[in-house]
Amino acid sequence: MTICPVDPVLCMALFVSDTPCFSNPDAATVRRTVDATLERLGPDECYARAAEIFGDRPDVALNRIQWARTVCERALSTATA
């Protein structure tokens, strides 16, 4: 099992955002997207929406959460280090 070095709620916020998973956003864009999504939805709603996506479309959700974790780790782990 791999431990995510970034707070999982940040990954969930990117996961449920409108950012396409084929994009490669820079660190500033990721931070703005995560901040805006958390401000708009809050952590609980981010998790609720992620659960809904995993329930409805697990085939899409798996790739998207892996993308969100990778992007957040790259963009945010250096910001907190």
Protein backbone atom coordinates (compact mmCIF):
# COMPACT_ATOMS: atom_id res chain seq x y z
CA MET A 1 0.00 0.00 0.00
CA THR A 2 1.35 3.40 -0.99
CA ILE A 3 0.97 6.33 1.38
CA CYS A 4 0.06 9.64 -0.25
CA PRO A 5 2.39 12.38 1.06
CA VAL A 6 -0.35 14.97 0.41
CA ASP A 7 -3.49 15.38 2.50
CA PRO A 8 -6.08 13.09 0.84
CA VAL A 9 -8.76 15.79 0.93
CA LEU A 10 -6.61 17.86 -1.44
CA CYS A 11 -6.51 14.95 -3.87
CA MET A 12 -10.27 14.51 -3.55
CA ALA A 13 -10.80 18.20 -4.31
CA LEU A 14 -8.81 17.88 -7.53
CA PHE A 15 -10.57 14.59 -8.30
CA VAL A 16 -14.04 16.20 -8.18
CA SER A 17 -12.99 19.41 -9.91
CA ASP A 18 -13.71 20.13 -13.56
CA THR A 19 -10.04 19.78 -14.48
CA PRO A 20 -9.67 17.20 -17.27
CA CYS A 21 -7.51 14.26 -16.23
CA PHE A 22 -5.60 14.35 -19.49
CA SER A 23 -4.32 17.82 -18.60
CA ASN A 24 -1.02 18.48 -16.92
CA PRO A 25 -1.68 21.57 -14.76
CA ASP A 26 1.20 23.44 -13.19
CA ALA A 27 1.57 23.70 -9.40
CA ALA A 28 -0.09 27.13 -9.19
CA THR A 29 -3.11 25.92 -11.16
CA VAL A 30 -3.45 22.84 -8.95
CA ARG A 31 -3.33 24.98 -5.79
CA ARG A 32 -5.93 27.39 -7.16
CA THR A 33 -8.18 24.54 -8.30
CA VAL A 34 -7.95 22.69 -4.99
CA ASP A 35 -8.52 25.88 -2.97
CA ALA A 36 -11.50 26.93 -5.08
CA THR A 37 -13.08 23.46 -4.99
CA LEU A 38 -12.69 23.17 -1.23
CA GLU A 39 -14.06 26.66 -0.71
CA ARG A 40 -17.04 25.94 -2.95
CA LEU A 41 -17.85 22.41 -1.76
CA GLY A 42 -16.01 21.77 1.49
CA PRO A 43 -14.25 18.50 2.36
CA ASP A 44 -17.38 16.48 3.13
CA GLU A 45 -19.01 17.28 -0.21
CA CYS A 46 -15.75 16.48 -2.05
CA TYR A 47 -15.71 13.03 -0.44
CA ALA A 48 -19.44 12.55 -1.11
CA ARG A 49 -19.03 13.40 -4.79
CA ALA A 50 -15.98 11.15 -5.09
CA ALA A 51 -17.94 8.27 -3.53
CA GLU A 52 -20.75 8.86 -5.99
CA ILE A 53 -18.33 8.76 -8.92
CA PHE A 54 -16.73 5.55 -7.63
CA GLY A 55 -20.19 4.02 -7.25
CA ASP A 56 -21.45 5.11 -10.66
CA ARG A 57 -18.29 4.88 -12.77
CA PRO A 58 -15.55 2.87 -11.03
CA ASP A 59 -13.77 2.38 -14.36
CA VAL A 60 -13.39 6.16 -14.75
CA ALA A 61 -12.84 6.87 -11.06
CA LEU A 62 -9.78 4.67 -10.67
CA ASN A 63 -7.84 6.40 -13.45
CA ARG A 64 -8.98 9.83 -12.29
CA ILE A 65 -7.98 9.34 -8.63
CA GLN A 66 -4.57 8.02 -9.70
CA TRP A 67 -4.15 11.10 -11.89
CA ALA A 68 -5.29 13.42 -9.06
CA ARG A 69 -2.89 11.85 -6.56
CA THR A 70 0.05 12.06 -8.95
CA VAL A 71 -0.67 15.68 -9.87
CA CYS A 72 -1.23 16.71 -6.23
CA GLU A 73 1.90 14.94 -5.06
CA ARG A 74 3.94 16.71 -7.72
CA ALA A 75 2.35 20.12 -7.17
CA LEU A 76 1.65 20.21 -3.45
CA SER A 77 4.20 18.03 -1.66
CA THR A 78 6.96 20.52 -2.44
CA ALA A 79 4.73 23.39 -1.27
CA THR A 80 4.41 21.82 2.19
CA ALA A 81 8.00 20.61 2.46
